[in-house]
Amino acid sequence: MKKKYSLSVLCILLITFLLSESCNNQNHKSTKKKPNIIVILADDLGYAGLSCFGGKGISSPNLDKLAQNGIKCTNFYSNSTVCSPTRVALMSGRYQQRVGLDHIYFHCLDTMGFNPKTNPSLPVIMKEAGYKTAIFGKWHLGSGLDFQPKAHGFDDFTGFLDGNIDFISKHNTESEVDWFVHHEPKYQEGYVTHILNDAVVDFINQEYENPFFIYLSEAAVHLPMQSPNDPPMRTDSFYNYRVDTKFPKEEYMRRYSEMVTAMDEGIGKIMQTLRKHNIEDNTLVIFTSDNGGERIGVQHGKVNGNKRGHKGTLYEGGINVPTIFYWKDKFEEGIVNKEVMMTMDILPTILDITGIEYKGLYKFDGKSLYSTLLENKPIKRDLFWMHKERLVMRRGNIKLIRQNRGVELYDLASDPFEQNNLAKNPGFKSMLNELIEASDKWHHETATGFPAGREIGVKVKKNWPCKRDLKTFNKGKEYKWVNGKAVIE
């Protein structure tokens, strides 16, 4: 027997059906929303720069929590032992030597920089895929207009262009105020780390309904070493590039640890903001560093742990950096991943995770880490590092270092601190020759411009193009450390 419905009942059923479909469509749309991406790049943070990576006297509870609830990568490497090259690799997914870079971009030369028109650029790709894009912090990829963040497709930029600035006065390496707000030069009061992290919070509050890509390029813990309550070291009347060499151990580590704490507290605020808008489970957070810790930090506080070397060297302490991948409910919690990864892998990983197809002309050197992060799948490949005339190759656990007209060979599995040079061991002669030949081939096929003309192992002294007459500028004044206080006299 067929049921008969009145017109009113039919109307109610129809409205109920339409509302149900509307809700289903909304739910479907929400699950289809592209994942947000936040890449956090610390500056000069050594392997043991966080407490979760063995740092002593360092408090980083928010980052520790991300590591505990995400994936802690113990064999992640920066592409270089200094900043600009690593940032090129992050932005391009390629070896920085392909763009003719093996050292840094100088702020005083505005005709040099990373060009998005002739290279793949992560923010350009993300913007074209419909993402809201922003960078907060250090750029150091060229100061000319053709190389600045806006040229790379960043919708927003608050930060600085040079390699480092005074955390209080915002004076850069040429003692000029170097600070931008929404792409425009503008001075802001406050501690740099606080300003940057708060700017990220503001951006998320504004764009949380849209897919976003945030590049938080922290100034910490680069020199000049300043915590939130320390005075400026660079002013209109005095400039010094660095003074941390004059600090006693306790003072240096106080500043270092307080700088890490300020960064960590800001990252905690960012995570709270994601939770406030209920988008934490749709946001991938990647934390890493551009290179290992400084020599002074290694002397005073073992900021690289027991690893040999420091920033500027190609031993493990110069390139093995603390790295965390966090994605709530997507990655298994508490995983320690020991696979060898590099900065240049971040771009292809992001594209893999977001489902963005790269349609550019260039091949990436980096590989997607997605399956490695999800299933611990190994990535078999040779890896290379080059800084100036020094070249390093790693095949499996064997590491070749070519520098000072000589060669070194280490088995990192049995000798992680690089103490036993196997280069003169007869049993490794064939391996040594094979790696030298392979690294020569890589150099020939990969490097362009100035790096291509380098003779590996032969040091060429180049003058610093931005050098200035500090005696005249400072009018005879010097920075001193007297009776536990910083004095300029």
Protein backbone atom coordinates (compact mmCIF):
# COMPACT_ATOMS: atom_id res chain seq x y z
CA MET A 1 0.00 0.00 0.00
CA LYS A 2 1.47 3.33 -1.08
CA LYS A 3 1.72 6.09 1.48
CA LYS A 4 0.10 9.42 0.66
CA TYR A 5 1.72 12.66 1.78
CA SER A 6 0.17 16.08 2.02
CA LEU A 7 1.76 18.98 0.16
CA SER A 8 3.06 20.47 3.42
CA VAL A 9 4.72 17.21 4.41
CA LEU A 10 6.32 16.94 0.98
CA CYS A 11 7.65 20.48 1.35
CA ILE A 12 9.15 19.65 4.74
CA LEU A 13 10.80 16.50 3.36
CA LEU A 14 12.20 18.43 0.41
CA ILE A 15 13.62 21.18 2.64
CA THR A 16 15.12 18.57 4.98
CA PHE A 17 16.75 16.82 2.02
CA LEU A 18 18.17 20.05 0.61
CA LEU A 19 19.54 21.11 4.01
CA SER A 20 21.09 17.67 4.45
CA GLU A 21 22.73 17.88 1.02
CA SER A 22 23.98 21.37 1.80
CA CYS A 23 25.58 20.17 5.03
CA ASN A 24 27.11 17.20 3.24
CA ASN A 25 28.51 19.49 0.59
CA GLN A 26 29.94 21.81 3.23
CA ASN A 27 31.53 18.87 5.04
CA HIS A 28 32.89 17.60 1.74
CA LYS A 29 34.36 21.01 0.98
CA SER A 30 35.97 21.24 4.40
CA THR A 31 37.63 17.85 4.00
CA LYS A 32 38.80 18.87 0.55
CA LYS A 33 40.48 22.06 1.79
CA LYS A 34 44.13 22.12 0.87
CA PRO A 35 46.46 21.61 3.85
CA ASN A 36 48.14 24.70 5.28
CA ILE A 37 51.93 24.75 5.37
CA ILE A 38 54.16 26.48 7.92
CA VAL A 39 57.92 26.24 7.42
CA ILE A 40 59.97 27.55 10.34
CA LEU A 41 63.67 28.08 9.68
CA ALA A 42 65.83 28.94 12.68
CA ASP A 43 69.11 30.75 12.07
CA ASP A 44 72.41 29.22 13.24
CA LEU A 45 70.57 26.85 15.59
CA GLY A 46 72.92 23.98 16.37
CA TYR A 47 71.91 20.32 16.51
CA ALA A 48 71.66 20.55 20.31
CA GLY A 49 69.99 23.95 20.22
CA LEU A 50 66.69 22.53 21.54
CA SER A 51 66.20 20.55 24.72
CA CYS A 52 64.56 17.70 22.76
CA PHE A 53 67.78 17.34 20.77
CA GLY A 54 69.98 17.23 23.84
CA GLY A 55 70.50 20.93 24.53
CA LYS A 56 71.67 21.64 28.07
CA GLY A 57 70.35 24.66 29.93
CA ILE A 58 67.91 25.34 27.09
CA SER A 59 64.14 25.44 27.50
CA SER A 60 62.01 24.73 24.41
CA PRO A 61 58.81 23.08 25.70
CA ASN A 62 56.63 23.98 22.70
CA LEU A 63 59.04 22.62 20.13
CA ASP A 64 59.69 19.63 22.38
CA LYS A 65 55.96 18.93 22.30
CA LEU A 66 55.92 19.07 18.50
CA ALA A 67 58.78 16.57 18.45
CA GLN A 68 57.05 14.30 20.97
CA ASN A 69 53.79 14.35 19.02
CA GLY A 70 55.35 14.38 15.57
CA ILE A 71 58.47 13.14 13.82
CA LYS A 72 61.93 14.00 15.11
CA CYS A 73 64.51 13.75 12.33
CA THR A 74 68.02 13.04 13.58
CA ASN A 75 69.73 12.83 10.17
CA PHE A 76 68.41 15.99 8.57
CA TYR A 77 71.01 18.18 6.89
CA SER A 78 71.06 21.78 5.78
CA ASN A 79 72.14 22.20 2.17
CA SER A 80 75.02 24.40 3.24
CA THR A 81 77.02 25.42 6.24
CA VAL A 82 75.98 29.08 5.81
CA CYS A 83 72.61 30.74 5.31
CA SER A 84 71.93 32.04 1.76
CA PRO A 85 72.77 28.76 -0.02
CA THR A 86 70.49 26.76 2.28
CA ARG A 87 67.67 29.24 1.66
CA VAL A 88 68.11 28.91 -2.10
CA ALA A 89 67.79 25.14 -1.71
CA LEU A 90 64.65 25.56 0.41
CA MET A 91 63.01 27.91 -2.10
CA SER A 92 64.07 25.98 -5.22
CA GLY A 93 64.24 22.31 -4.25
CA ARG A 94 67.62 22.20 -5.97
CA TYR A 95 71.31 22.36 -5.22
CA GLN A 96 72.20 26.03 -4.81
CA GLN A 97 75.19 25.59 -7.13
CA ARG A 98 72.75 25.40 -10.04
CA VAL A 99 72.10 29.12 -9.58
CA GLY A 100 75.79 29.89 -9.25
CA LEU A 101 75.85 30.27 -5.47
CA ASP A 102 78.26 28.66 -3.01
CA HIS A 103 78.43 31.34 -0.31
CA ILE A 104 76.07 34.25 0.51
CA TYR A 105 74.32 37.15 -1.18
CA PHE A 106 75.76 40.49 -0.10
CA HIS A 107 73.25 43.13 0.93
CA CYS A 108 75.28 45.96 -0.60
CA LEU A 109 75.12 44.37 -4.08
CA ASP A 110 71.51 44.76 -5.19
CA THR A 111 72.27 43.28 -8.63
CA MET A 112 72.76 39.78 -7.18
CA GLY A 113 70.09 37.48 -5.83
CA PHE A 114 67.87 34.45 -6.27
CA ASN A 115 65.80 35.13 -9.38
CA PRO A 116 62.29 33.61 -9.51
CA LYS A 117 62.15 34.14 -13.28
CA THR A 118 64.99 31.73 -13.95
CA ASN A 119 64.53 29.27 -11.09
CA PRO A 120 61.69 27.32 -9.46
CA SER A 121 60.43 29.24 -6.42
CA LEU A 122 58.29 27.64 -3.72
CA PRO A 123 56.17 30.73 -2.92
CA VAL A 124 55.49 31.31 -6.63
CA ILE A 125 54.30 27.71 -6.97
CA MET A 126 52.12 27.94 -3.85
CA LYS A 127 50.56 31.24 -4.88
CA GLU A 128 49.72 29.92 -8.35
CA ALA A 129 48.03 26.95 -6.64
CA GLY A 130 45.67 29.27 -4.75
CA TYR A 131 47.54 29.66 -1.47
CA LYS A 132 47.83 32.85 0.55
CA THR A 133 51.56 33.30 1.00
CA ALA A 134 53.65 35.16 3.56
CA ILE A 135 57.20 35.40 4.83
CA PHE A 136 58.05 36.71 8.27
CA GLY A 137 61.70 37.25 9.10
CA LYS A 138 65.06 37.03 7.41
CA TRP A 139 65.22 36.94 3.60
CA HIS A 140 68.93 37.08 2.58
CA LEU A 141 68.26 36.08 -1.02
CA GLY A 142 68.98 39.44 -2.59
CA SER A 143 68.16 43.05 -1.75
CA GLY A 144 67.31 44.26 -5.28
CA LEU A 145 63.65 44.63 -6.22
CA ASP A 146 63.86 41.71 -8.68
CA PHE A 147 64.85 39.36 -5.86
CA GLN A 148 62.78 40.56 -2.90
CA PRO A 149 59.87 38.56 -1.40
CA LYS A 150 57.24 40.37 -3.47
CA ALA A 151 58.98 39.25 -6.68
CA HIS A 152 58.67 35.67 -5.41
CA GLY A 153 54.91 35.89 -4.99
CA PHE A 154 54.69 36.47 -1.26
CA ASP A 155 51.45 38.30 -0.45
CA ASP A 156 52.89 39.62 2.79
CA PHE A 157 56.36 40.29 4.17
CA THR A 158 57.42 41.56 7.56
CA GLY A 159 61.11 41.27 8.28
CA PHE A 160 64.52 42.17 6.91
CA LEU A 161 66.55 41.61 3.76
CA ASP A 162 70.11 41.34 5.07
CA GLY A 163 71.83 38.41 6.74
CA ASN A 164 71.33 39.66 10.29
CA ILE A 165 70.13 42.72 12.18
CA ASP A 166 70.26 44.10 15.70
CA PHE A 167 67.30 42.51 17.50
CA ILE A 168 66.41 45.84 19.11
CA SER A 169 67.45 48.68 16.78
CA LYS A 170 66.91 46.73 13.51
CA HIS A 171 70.28 47.92 12.17
CA ASN A 172 71.77 45.51 9.64
CA THR A 173 75.37 44.70 8.69
CA GLU A 174 75.79 48.16 7.18
CA SER A 175 74.25 49.85 10.22
CA GLU A 176 71.11 50.85 8.35
CA VAL A 177 67.61 50.22 9.65
CA ASP A 178 66.54 47.15 7.67
CA TRP A 179 62.89 46.45 8.42
CA PHE A 180 59.80 45.98 6.26
CA VAL A 181 56.12 45.83 7.18
CA HIS A 182 53.77 44.55 4.46
CA HIS A 183 56.62 44.87 1.94
CA GLU A 184 57.22 48.55 2.77
CA PRO A 185 60.23 49.96 4.69
CA LYS A 186 58.93 50.88 8.13
CA TYR A 187 60.43 50.85 11.59
CA GLN A 188 58.74 48.86 14.36
CA GLU A 189 59.50 49.04 18.05
CA GLY A 190 60.07 45.79 19.85
CA TYR A 191 62.17 42.65 19.94
CA VAL A 192 62.54 41.08 16.51
CA THR A 193 61.55 37.54 17.52
CA HIS A 194 58.40 38.77 19.27
CA ILE A 195 57.40 40.93 16.29
CA LEU A 196 57.83 38.09 13.79
CA ASN A 197 55.93 35.47 15.76
CA ASP A 198 53.10 37.92 16.50
CA ALA A 199 52.92 38.77 12.79
CA VAL A 200 52.40 35.07 11.99
CA VAL A 201 49.56 34.93 14.53
CA ASP A 202 47.94 37.99 12.94
CA PHE A 203 48.24 36.49 9.46
CA ILE A 204 46.61 33.21 10.54
CA ASN A 205 43.80 35.12 12.25
CA GLN A 206 43.20 36.92 8.98
CA GLU A 207 43.58 34.04 6.51
CA TYR A 208 42.53 30.92 8.44
CA GLU A 209 39.61 30.26 6.11
CA ASN A 210 41.99 30.12 3.13
CA PRO A 211 44.80 27.68 2.48
CA PHE A 212 48.02 29.41 3.45
CA PHE A 213 51.77 28.96 3.12
CA ILE A 214 53.83 30.67 5.82
CA TYR A 215 57.60 30.88 5.81
CA LEU A 216 58.73 31.93 9.28
CA SER A 217 62.42 32.69 8.89
CA GLU A 218 63.46 33.35 12.46
CA ALA A 219 66.30 35.75 13.27
CA ALA A 220 67.27 33.66 16.32
CA VAL A 221 69.83 32.57 17.22
CA HIS A 222 72.08 34.51 14.86
CA LEU A 223 74.40 37.19 16.16
CA PRO A 224 74.38 39.81 17.48
CA MET A 225 73.46 37.73 20.51
CA GLN A 226 70.59 39.59 22.18
CA SER A 227 67.76 38.39 24.35
CA PRO A 228 64.56 40.47 24.81
CA ASN A 229 65.91 42.57 27.70
CA ASP A 230 69.38 43.27 26.32
CA PRO A 231 70.34 46.72 24.97
CA PRO A 232 70.96 47.43 21.26
CA MET A 233 74.49 46.86 19.99
CA ARG A 234 74.13 48.78 16.74
CA THR A 235 72.92 52.35 16.75
CA ASP A 236 73.16 55.47 14.62
CA SER A 237 76.44 56.32 16.36
CA PHE A 238 78.05 52.90 16.86
CA TYR A 239 78.34 49.71 14.86
CA ASN A 240 80.00 46.38 15.40
CA TYR A 241 79.24 43.22 13.45
CA ARG A 242 79.67 40.92 16.43
CA VAL A 243 80.70 41.17 20.06
CA ASP A 244 79.82 37.68 21.28
CA THR A 245 83.52 36.77 21.20
CA LYS A 246 83.95 39.08 24.19
CA PHE A 247 81.20 37.44 26.29
CA PRO A 248 82.16 35.09 29.10
CA LYS A 249 80.62 31.64 28.85
CA GLU A 250 77.75 32.31 31.24
CA GLU A 251 76.73 35.51 29.46
CA TYR A 252 76.83 33.92 26.02
CA MET A 253 74.70 30.95 27.07
CA ARG A 254 72.24 33.17 28.94
CA ARG A 255 71.62 35.10 25.76
CA TYR A 256 71.51 31.97 23.61
CA SER A 257 69.01 30.17 25.83
CA GLU A 258 66.78 33.26 26.21
CA MET A 259 66.76 33.73 22.43
CA VAL A 260 65.65 30.11 22.00
CA THR A 261 62.99 30.58 24.67
CA ALA A 262 61.60 33.67 22.92
CA MET A 263 61.40 31.76 19.64
CA ASP A 264 59.80 28.75 21.32
CA GLU A 265 57.19 30.84 23.14
CA GLY A 266 56.21 32.47 19.86
CA ILE A 267 55.83 29.10 18.18
CA GLY A 268 53.63 28.08 21.09
CA LYS A 269 51.37 31.09 20.34
CA ILE A 270 51.21 30.07 16.69
CA MET A 271 50.10 26.55 17.60
CA GLN A 272 47.44 27.98 19.95
CA THR A 273 46.14 30.11 17.08
CA LEU A 274 45.82 27.05 14.85
CA ARG A 275 43.82 25.33 17.59
CA LYS A 276 41.64 28.38 18.12
CA HIS A 277 40.53 28.21 14.48
CA ASN A 278 40.32 24.40 14.53
CA ILE A 279 42.87 24.00 11.73
CA GLU A 280 45.73 22.32 13.57
CA ASP A 281 44.89 18.95 11.98
CA ASN A 282 44.99 20.55 8.54
CA THR A 283 48.35 22.25 8.99
CA LEU A 284 51.76 20.74 8.36
CA VAL A 285 54.48 22.38 10.49
CA ILE A 286 58.13 21.91 9.55
CA PHE A 287 60.88 23.18 11.85
CA THR A 288 64.57 23.14 10.90
CA SER A 289 67.72 25.30 10.84
CA ASP A 290 69.77 26.81 8.01
CA ASN A 291 73.09 25.44 9.32
CA GLY A 292 74.84 24.31 12.48
CA GLY A 293 75.71 26.38 15.51
CA GLU A 294 78.41 29.05 15.70
CA ARG A 295 81.98 28.33 16.82
CA ILE A 296 81.56 30.42 20.00
CA GLY A 297 78.40 28.53 20.92
CA VAL A 298 80.22 25.25 20.45
CA GLN A 299 83.01 26.42 22.77
CA HIS A 300 80.69 27.76 25.45
CA GLY A 301 77.78 25.36 25.38
CA LYS A 302 78.24 22.48 22.93
CA VAL A 303 75.28 23.77 20.93
CA ASN A 304 76.04 21.08 18.32
CA GLY A 305 76.26 18.35 20.94
CA ASN A 306 79.34 16.20 20.50
CA LYS A 307 79.41 16.63 16.74
CA ARG A 308 82.62 17.83 15.18
CA GLY A 309 82.73 21.28 13.62
CA HIS A 310 80.46 24.31 13.55
CA LYS A 311 78.90 26.81 11.16
CA GLY A 312 81.28 27.40 8.26
CA THR A 313 82.70 23.86 8.33
CA LEU A 314 81.37 20.82 6.50
CA TYR A 315 81.81 18.44 9.40
CA GLU A 316 78.59 17.17 10.97
CA GLY A 317 78.38 20.10 13.39
CA GLY A 318 78.13 22.51 10.48
CA ILE A 319 75.32 20.81 8.56
CA ASN A 320 73.43 18.29 10.74
CA VAL A 321 70.50 20.31 12.12
CA PRO A 322 67.52 19.70 14.46
CA THR A 323 64.38 19.07 12.42
CA ILE A 324 60.75 18.30 13.29
CA PHE A 325 57.75 17.44 11.10
CA TYR A 326 54.41 17.84 12.86
CA TRP A 327 50.94 17.17 11.44
CA LYS A 328 48.27 16.33 13.97
CA ASP A 329 46.58 12.97 13.34
CA LYS A 330 48.42 12.53 10.03
CA PHE A 331 51.86 11.49 11.25
CA GLU A 332 52.40 8.83 13.85
CA GLU A 333 53.39 10.36 17.18
CA GLY A 334 56.77 10.05 18.83
CA ILE A 335 58.67 8.77 15.82
CA VAL A 336 62.43 9.21 15.55
CA ASN A 337 63.34 9.11 11.87
CA LYS A 338 66.98 8.37 11.06
CA GLU A 339 66.80 8.59 7.27
CA VAL A 340 69.18 11.09 5.63
CA MET A 341 67.26 14.17 4.43
CA MET A 342 68.18 17.64 3.18
CA THR A 343 66.71 21.12 3.01
CA MET A 344 66.12 20.80 -0.74
CA ASP A 345 63.70 17.91 -0.02
CA ILE A 346 61.21 20.24 1.66
CA LEU A 347 59.80 21.74 -1.56
CA PRO A 348 58.98 18.42 -3.31
CA THR A 349 57.61 17.11 -0.01
CA ILE A 350 55.21 20.05 0.26
CA LEU A 351 54.07 19.59 -3.35
CA ASP A 352 53.51 15.87 -2.75
CA ILE A 353 51.47 16.49 0.39
CA THR A 354 49.37 19.28 -1.11
CA GLY A 355 48.87 17.52 -4.44
CA ILE A 356 50.28 20.47 -6.37
CA GLU A 357 51.68 19.58 -9.77
CA TYR A 358 54.82 21.49 -10.69
CA LYS A 359 54.70 22.43 -14.37
CA GLY A 360 57.99 24.31 -14.58
CA LEU A 361 61.00 23.58 -16.73
CA TYR A 362 63.42 22.54 -14.02
CA LYS A 363 63.98 19.21 -12.29
CA PHE A 364 64.24 19.19 -8.54
CA ASP A 365 67.32 17.69 -6.92
CA GLY A 366 65.35 17.15 -3.72
CA LYS A 367 63.03 14.18 -3.19
CA SER A 368 59.65 13.99 -1.51
CA LEU A 369 59.95 12.76 2.06
CA TYR A 370 56.26 11.94 2.41
CA SER A 371 56.56 8.15 2.27
CA THR A 372 59.72 8.31 4.36
CA LEU A 373 57.87 10.27 7.04
CA LEU A 374 54.78 8.05 6.91
CA GLU A 375 56.42 4.64 6.54
CA ASN A 376 60.11 5.19 7.26
CA LYS A 377 60.95 4.23 3.69
CA PRO A 378 64.63 4.84 2.87
CA ILE A 379 65.79 7.15 0.10
CA LYS A 380 68.84 5.77 -1.69
CA ARG A 381 70.98 8.45 -3.33
CA ASP A 382 74.32 10.17 -3.24
CA LEU A 383 74.31 13.59 -1.58
CA PHE A 384 76.63 16.55 -2.01
CA TRP A 385 77.56 19.73 -0.17
CA MET A 386 79.79 22.48 -1.50
CA HIS A 387 80.90 25.64 0.25
CA LYS A 388 83.43 27.71 -1.61
CA GLU A 389 86.32 25.39 -2.54
CA ARG A 390 85.27 22.60 -0.19
CA LEU A 391 83.18 19.69 -1.43
CA VAL A 392 81.56 16.87 0.51
CA MET A 393 79.90 13.70 -0.75
CA ARG A 394 77.94 11.15 1.22
CA ARG A 395 77.13 7.65 -0.03
CA GLY A 396 75.32 5.60 2.57
CA ASN A 397 77.30 6.11 5.76
CA ILE A 398 80.57 6.94 3.99
CA LYS A 399 81.42 10.64 3.90
CA LEU A 400 84.11 12.19 1.70
CA ILE A 401 85.49 15.64 2.52
CA ARG A 402 87.73 17.46 0.04
CA GLN A 403 89.39 20.54 1.44
CA ASN A 404 92.79 22.16 1.99
CA ARG A 405 94.23 20.29 -1.02
CA GLY A 406 93.54 17.02 0.78
CA VAL A 407 90.86 14.40 1.35
CA GLU A 408 89.21 12.89 4.40
CA LEU A 409 86.99 9.83 4.56
CA TYR A 410 84.74 8.83 7.47
CA ASP A 411 82.36 5.98 8.22
CA LEU A 412 79.58 7.78 10.08
CA ALA A 413 78.01 4.51 11.22
CA SER A 414 81.01 3.57 13.35
CA ASP A 415 82.53 7.04 13.67
CA PRO A 416 79.71 9.63 13.97
CA PHE A 417 82.06 12.26 15.42
CA GLU A 418 84.50 12.05 12.49
CA GLN A 419 87.63 11.17 14.44
CA ASN A 420 89.07 8.35 12.31
CA ASN A 421 90.16 9.49 8.84
CA LEU A 422 90.12 6.45 6.53
CA ALA A 423 91.56 8.24 3.51
CA LYS A 424 94.97 6.55 3.90
CA ASN A 425 93.53 3.16 4.83
CA PRO A 426 94.43 0.73 1.98
CA GLY A 427 91.10 -1.04 2.41
CA PHE A 428 89.23 2.12 1.39
CA LYS A 429 91.45 3.15 -1.54
CA SER A 430 89.02 1.93 -4.20
CA MET A 431 86.06 3.56 -2.42
CA LEU A 432 88.00 6.82 -2.03
CA ASN A 433 88.86 7.03 -5.74
CA GLU A 434 85.30 6.17 -6.70
CA LEU A 435 83.86 8.96 -4.54
CA ILE A 436 86.38 11.52 -5.78
CA GLU A 437 85.45 10.69 -9.37
CA ALA A 438 81.72 10.87 -8.57
CA SER A 439 82.07 14.22 -6.76
CA ASP A 440 84.06 15.66 -9.67
CA LYS A 441 81.28 14.55 -12.00
CA TRP A 442 78.63 16.16 -9.78
CA HIS A 443 80.58 19.43 -9.65
CA HIS A 444 80.99 19.46 -13.42
CA GLU A 445 77.31 18.72 -14.11
CA THR A 446 75.71 20.82 -11.37
CA ALA A 447 77.71 23.97 -10.66
CA THR A 448 77.29 27.10 -12.74
CA GLY A 449 78.82 30.55 -12.54
CA PHE A 450 81.49 31.14 -9.92
CA PRO A 451 81.14 27.68 -8.24
CA ALA A 452 81.75 26.02 -11.61
CA GLY A 453 85.15 27.70 -11.85
CA ARG A 454 86.28 26.59 -8.41
CA GLU A 455 89.21 24.21 -8.13
CA ILE A 456 88.12 21.82 -5.40
CA GLY A 457 90.40 22.00 -2.38
CA VAL A 458 92.13 25.19 -3.47
CA LYS A 459 91.23 28.24 -1.39
CA VAL A 460 90.77 31.54 -3.22
CA LYS A 461 90.68 34.65 -1.06
CA LYS A 462 87.97 37.14 -2.02
CA ASN A 463 87.56 40.59 -0.56
CA TRP A 464 84.36 41.32 1.35
CA PRO A 465 82.53 43.79 -0.92
CA CYS A 466 80.61 45.53 1.87
CA LYS A 467 83.56 46.44 4.06
CA ARG A 468 83.36 49.80 5.80
CA ASP A 469 85.64 52.13 7.79
CA LEU A 470 84.47 51.33 11.32
CA LYS A 471 87.06 53.49 13.05
CA THR A 472 85.66 56.57 11.37
CA PHE A 473 82.04 55.54 11.86
CA ASN A 474 82.53 54.68 15.55
CA LYS A 475 84.70 57.77 16.17
CA GLY A 476 87.20 55.78 18.18
CA LYS A 477 84.66 54.10 20.45
CA GLU A 478 84.99 50.37 21.17
CA TYR A 479 82.79 47.71 22.69
CA LYS A 480 84.14 46.19 25.89
CA TRP A 481 82.96 43.77 28.55
CA VAL A 482 83.76 45.32 31.95
CA ASN A 483 82.70 44.02 35.38
CA GLY A 484 79.92 41.91 33.94
CA LYS A 485 78.46 44.65 31.77
CA ALA A 486 78.58 45.70 28.14
CA VAL A 487 80.32 49.04 27.80
CA ILE A 488 80.92 51.20 24.73
CA GLU A 489 83.66 53.74 25.33
